[in-house]
Amino acid sequence: MKTKILFFTLATCACLTSAPAQVSTVVGIDASSAYIFHGMTYNSGFVLQPYLNITGKHFGYLLWSNYNLQSDENGLGYFPASEFTEIDHFISWYIPVAFADFDLTLGLYNYPMLGWESDKELQLGGQKTLLNSLLTPFARGGVMFDGSMTRNVYVEVGAKGEKTLAPKFALNYLLKASWEYQGFLPDKPSGMKDLLLTSGLTYFPVEATGISLKANYAGQLSKKVLPDELYDAGFFVSLGIFRVF
């Protein structure tokens, strides 16, 4: 599995860097007071989340990971400290459509602490930037087609935006809600699952380098789809630094 992941990463990066003038690379790391994904609390303690994002004219690649600074035991299991619990790869094809931005994305979720077990997902997303980035409505759907969560389907809709406050400061905000069909579970629950509200401030001390501070709220919309044992931390904060190349 490790060999396959390394080949996947190198092949993707080689494809994207074939036209350097059309490529943007972002390297960053976030420190967060919790790791919450689709409303589920994977760790209610402090985590580090480094990432690499390469964007070309027609394709994109994202490497994202989660490293536990604190251990946690919850409805999803026991997550030890000082370990990478997740290392994910996403390769995207940007679909050329005149009226909006669409992408088709293949996701590979890897779990080192589980012997490098993985889940595979296919996503389709679209967004439209309005009012000079003040408002960007978006929608995204995904289906797991391989792994322990096969036949899990989700759809999320929302809006995000950015407002420049001063030459070196920008305000960021996001609101989204998701619906989910959990086809991998025996009773196959479905319905509205969670919402996420984020507000943050980004400071650019020098060109192409940013420091962000965000306050987040993850809400529980359905106890049937997001039961109490999986929903723990509602509010969490994150501090990040990134560099654009």
Protein backbone atom coordinates (compact mmCIF):
# COMPACT_ATOMS: atom_id res chain seq x y z
CA MET A 1 0.00 0.00 0.00
CA LYS A 2 2.81 2.44 0.86
CA THR A 3 4.39 1.81 -2.57
CA LYS A 4 1.09 2.48 -4.32
CA ILE A 5 0.61 5.74 -2.40
CA LEU A 6 4.15 6.92 -3.21
CA PHE A 7 3.67 6.12 -6.91
CA PHE A 8 0.30 7.93 -6.89
CA THR A 9 1.90 11.03 -5.37
CA LEU A 10 4.93 11.11 -7.69
CA ALA A 11 2.88 10.47 -10.81
CA THR A 12 0.42 13.23 -9.94
CA CYS A 13 3.13 15.77 -9.14
CA ALA A 14 4.99 14.92 -12.37
CA CYS A 15 1.81 15.48 -14.37
CA LEU A 16 1.08 18.82 -12.72
CA THR A 17 4.60 20.21 -12.91
CA SER A 18 4.94 19.62 -16.64
CA ALA A 19 3.78 23.21 -17.24
CA PRO A 20 5.40 25.31 -14.47
CA ALA A 21 3.99 28.63 -15.64
CA GLN A 22 0.44 27.39 -15.00
CA VAL A 23 1.05 25.78 -11.60
CA SER A 24 0.52 27.21 -8.11
CA THR A 25 1.75 25.36 -5.02
CA VAL A 26 0.63 25.99 -1.44
CA VAL A 27 2.40 24.40 1.53
CA GLY A 28 0.88 24.87 4.96
CA ILE A 29 0.05 23.48 8.37
CA ASP A 30 -2.91 24.06 10.70
CA ALA A 31 -2.96 23.56 14.46
CA SER A 32 -6.51 22.85 15.62
CA SER A 33 -8.18 22.28 18.97
CA ALA A 34 -10.12 19.32 17.49
CA TYR A 35 -10.38 17.21 14.33
CA ILE A 36 -13.97 17.20 13.08
CA PHE A 37 -15.00 15.86 9.66
CA HIS A 38 -18.61 15.88 8.41
CA GLY A 39 -19.70 16.61 11.98
CA MET A 40 -17.96 13.55 13.44
CA THR A 41 -15.34 14.12 16.15
CA TYR A 42 -12.22 12.12 15.32
CA ASN A 43 -10.24 13.84 18.08
CA SER A 44 -11.51 16.37 20.61
CA GLY A 45 -7.91 17.29 21.52
CA PHE A 46 -5.17 19.21 19.75
CA VAL A 47 -4.00 18.08 16.30
CA LEU A 48 -1.66 19.22 13.54
CA GLN A 49 -2.82 19.09 9.91
CA PRO A 50 -0.06 19.67 7.33
CA TYR A 51 -0.94 19.86 3.64
CA LEU A 52 0.39 20.38 0.12
CA ASN A 53 -1.89 21.75 -2.59
CA ILE A 54 -0.78 21.88 -6.24
CA THR A 55 -3.11 23.57 -8.72
CA GLY A 56 -2.58 23.46 -12.48
CA LYS A 57 -4.67 24.74 -15.37
CA HIS A 58 -6.71 21.55 -15.75
CA PHE A 59 -5.67 19.36 -12.82
CA GLY A 60 -5.06 19.68 -9.08
CA TYR A 61 -3.52 17.57 -6.35
CA LEU A 62 -3.97 17.80 -2.58
CA LEU A 63 -2.01 15.91 0.07
CA TRP A 64 -3.60 16.33 3.51
CA SER A 65 -2.83 14.65 6.82
CA ASN A 66 -3.78 14.61 10.50
CA TYR A 67 -1.28 14.19 13.34
CA ASN A 68 -2.59 13.76 16.88
CA LEU A 69 -0.91 15.81 19.58
CA GLN A 70 -3.30 14.35 22.17
CA SER A 71 -4.93 10.95 22.44
CA ASP A 72 -8.71 10.58 22.41
CA GLU A 73 -11.25 7.80 22.85
CA ASN A 74 -14.73 8.35 21.42
CA GLY A 75 -17.50 6.66 19.48
CA LEU A 76 -15.17 6.13 16.52
CA GLY A 77 -12.51 4.32 18.59
CA TYR A 78 -9.22 5.06 20.30
CA PHE A 79 -6.84 7.50 18.65
CA PRO A 80 -3.34 7.58 20.17
CA ALA A 81 -1.17 10.67 20.56
CA SER A 82 1.99 11.37 18.55
CA GLU A 83 0.78 9.48 15.47
CA PHE A 84 -0.48 10.24 11.98
CA THR A 85 -4.03 8.88 11.94
CA GLU A 86 -4.83 9.91 8.37
CA ILE A 87 -2.91 10.68 5.18
CA ASP A 88 -5.16 11.57 2.23
CA HIS A 89 -4.63 12.18 -1.47
CA PHE A 90 -7.00 13.97 -3.83
CA ILE A 91 -6.52 14.40 -7.57
CA SER A 92 -8.93 16.73 -9.37
CA TRP A 93 -9.84 17.43 -12.97
CA TYR A 94 -11.18 20.94 -13.51
CA ILE A 95 -14.10 20.68 -15.92
CA PRO A 96 -14.11 23.57 -18.42
CA VAL A 97 -17.55 25.19 -18.08
CA ALA A 98 -18.05 28.88 -18.86
CA PHE A 99 -20.66 29.82 -16.24
CA ALA A 100 -19.10 28.16 -13.13
CA ASP A 101 -16.11 26.19 -11.82
CA PHE A 102 -16.59 22.42 -11.70
CA ASP A 103 -14.27 19.61 -10.70
CA LEU A 104 -14.26 15.82 -10.67
CA THR A 105 -12.11 14.53 -7.80
CA LEU A 106 -10.79 11.12 -6.80
CA GLY A 107 -10.03 10.83 -3.09
CA LEU A 108 -7.89 8.23 -1.33
CA TYR A 109 -8.17 8.21 2.47
CA ASN A 110 -5.37 6.26 4.18
CA TYR A 111 -5.22 5.23 7.85
CA PRO A 112 -1.66 4.39 9.00
CA MET A 113 -2.79 3.29 12.48
CA LEU A 114 -5.07 0.67 10.87
CA GLY A 115 -2.35 -0.98 8.81
CA TRP A 116 -2.80 1.48 5.92
CA GLU A 117 -6.40 0.52 5.27
CA SER A 118 -8.03 2.97 2.87
CA ASP A 119 -11.34 4.31 1.58
CA LYS A 120 -11.80 5.57 -1.99
CA GLU A 121 -14.24 8.28 -2.98
CA LEU A 122 -15.42 10.00 -6.16
CA GLN A 123 -16.58 13.62 -5.83
CA LEU A 124 -18.25 16.13 -8.13
CA GLY A 125 -18.26 19.77 -7.10
CA GLY A 126 -19.13 23.18 -8.47
CA GLN A 127 -18.97 26.81 -7.38
CA LYS A 128 -19.59 30.31 -8.71
CA THR A 129 -17.56 33.30 -7.51
CA LEU A 130 -19.65 36.48 -7.20
CA LEU A 131 -19.13 40.08 -6.09
CA ASN A 132 -15.32 39.99 -6.30
CA SER A 133 -15.08 36.91 -4.04
CA LEU A 134 -17.42 38.31 -1.39
CA LEU A 135 -19.82 35.43 -2.07
CA THR A 136 -19.12 32.03 -3.59
CA PRO A 137 -22.06 29.56 -3.49
CA PHE A 138 -20.98 25.94 -3.87
CA ALA A 139 -22.26 22.37 -3.91
CA ARG A 140 -20.42 19.05 -3.72
CA GLY A 141 -21.41 15.41 -3.73
CA GLY A 142 -19.39 12.29 -3.09
CA VAL A 143 -19.74 8.51 -3.04
CA MET A 144 -17.43 5.99 -1.37
CA PHE A 145 -16.85 3.12 -3.79
CA ASP A 146 -14.18 1.07 -2.01
CA GLY A 147 -13.26 0.42 1.64
CA SER A 148 -15.10 0.14 4.93
CA MET A 149 -17.53 2.96 4.02
CA THR A 150 -18.53 1.70 0.55
CA ARG A 151 -21.93 3.02 -0.57
CA ASN A 152 -21.74 6.09 1.68
CA VAL A 153 -23.15 9.07 -0.24
CA TYR A 154 -23.14 12.73 0.80
CA VAL A 155 -24.23 16.07 -0.64
CA GLU A 156 -23.21 19.42 0.84
CA VAL A 157 -24.27 22.93 -0.13
CA GLY A 158 -23.18 26.28 1.19
CA ALA A 159 -21.44 29.55 0.56
CA LYS A 160 -18.06 31.05 1.37
CA GLY A 161 -16.37 34.36 0.82
CA GLU A 162 -13.44 36.66 1.44
CA LYS A 163 -13.27 40.38 2.18
CA THR A 164 -10.04 42.39 2.12
CA LEU A 165 -9.98 44.58 5.23
CA ALA A 166 -6.56 46.18 4.70
CA PRO A 167 -3.54 45.57 2.45
CA LYS A 168 -2.35 42.75 4.75
CA PHE A 169 -5.61 41.47 6.26
CA ALA A 170 -8.54 39.49 4.89
CA LEU A 171 -11.76 38.21 6.47
CA ASN A 172 -12.85 34.67 5.52
CA TYR A 173 -16.21 33.02 6.17
CA LEU A 174 -18.05 29.82 5.29
CA LEU A 175 -21.41 28.18 5.98
CA LYS A 176 -22.36 24.72 4.72
CA ALA A 177 -24.79 21.92 5.50
CA SER A 178 -24.71 18.28 4.43
CA TRP A 179 -27.08 15.40 3.70
CA GLU A 180 -25.84 11.82 3.90
CA TYR A 181 -26.95 8.29 2.99
CA GLN A 182 -24.97 5.75 5.04
CA GLY A 183 -25.33 2.70 2.82
CA PHE A 184 -22.50 0.85 4.55
CA LEU A 185 -24.52 0.52 7.81
CA PRO A 186 -27.12 -2.26 8.34
CA ASP A 187 -30.09 0.12 8.82
CA LYS A 188 -28.83 2.53 6.11
CA PRO A 189 -29.84 5.83 7.79
CA SER A 190 -30.16 8.95 5.65
CA GLY A 191 -31.02 12.60 6.12
CA MET A 192 -29.54 15.98 6.98
CA LYS A 193 -26.36 15.36 8.98
CA ASP A 194 -24.34 18.40 10.01
CA LEU A 195 -23.53 22.04 9.42
CA LEU A 196 -20.28 23.94 9.63
CA LEU A 197 -19.88 27.66 10.32
CA THR A 198 -16.42 29.22 10.03
CA SER A 199 -15.17 32.77 10.44
CA GLY A 200 -11.53 33.74 10.32
CA LEU A 201 -8.89 36.37 9.74
CA THR A 202 -5.81 35.96 7.54
CA TYR A 203 -2.72 38.13 7.93
CA PHE A 204 -0.06 38.40 5.21
CA PRO A 205 3.20 39.53 6.90
CA VAL A 206 5.17 39.20 3.65
CA GLU A 207 4.23 38.49 0.06
CA ALA A 208 2.88 34.96 -0.56
CA THR A 209 2.90 34.02 3.15
CA GLY A 210 -0.23 33.96 5.29
CA ILE A 211 -1.16 33.33 8.92
CA SER A 212 -4.78 32.44 9.60
CA LEU A 213 -6.90 32.25 12.75
CA LYS A 214 -10.35 30.65 12.49
CA ALA A 215 -13.26 30.01 14.83
CA ASN A 216 -15.48 27.08 13.83
CA TYR A 217 -18.77 25.59 14.91
CA ALA A 218 -19.85 22.09 13.86
CA GLY A 219 -23.57 21.52 14.39
CA GLN A 220 -25.61 18.33 14.67
CA LEU A 221 -28.67 18.33 12.37
CA SER A 222 -29.87 14.75 12.90
CA LYS A 223 -29.20 12.34 15.75
CA LYS A 224 -30.20 9.46 13.47
CA VAL A 225 -27.50 10.24 10.90
CA LEU A 226 -25.04 11.85 13.35
CA PRO A 227 -25.62 10.12 16.72
CA ASP A 228 -24.49 11.63 20.00
CA GLU A 229 -21.61 9.15 20.42
CA LEU A 230 -20.01 10.48 17.22
CA TYR A 231 -20.73 14.16 17.89
CA ASP A 232 -18.59 15.66 20.64
CA ALA A 233 -16.75 18.92 20.03
CA GLY A 234 -19.02 21.66 18.68
CA PHE A 235 -16.72 24.68 18.82
CA PHE A 236 -13.08 24.49 17.82
CA VAL A 237 -10.39 26.93 16.72
CA SER A 238 -7.49 26.61 14.29
CA LEU A 239 -4.29 28.53 13.71
CA GLY A 240 -2.44 28.05 10.43
CA ILE A 241 0.48 29.25 8.37
CA PHE A 242 0.96 28.76 4.64
CA ARG A 243 3.27 29.74 1.81
CA VAL A 244 2.35 30.13 -1.86
CA PHE A 245 4.94 29.28 -4.53
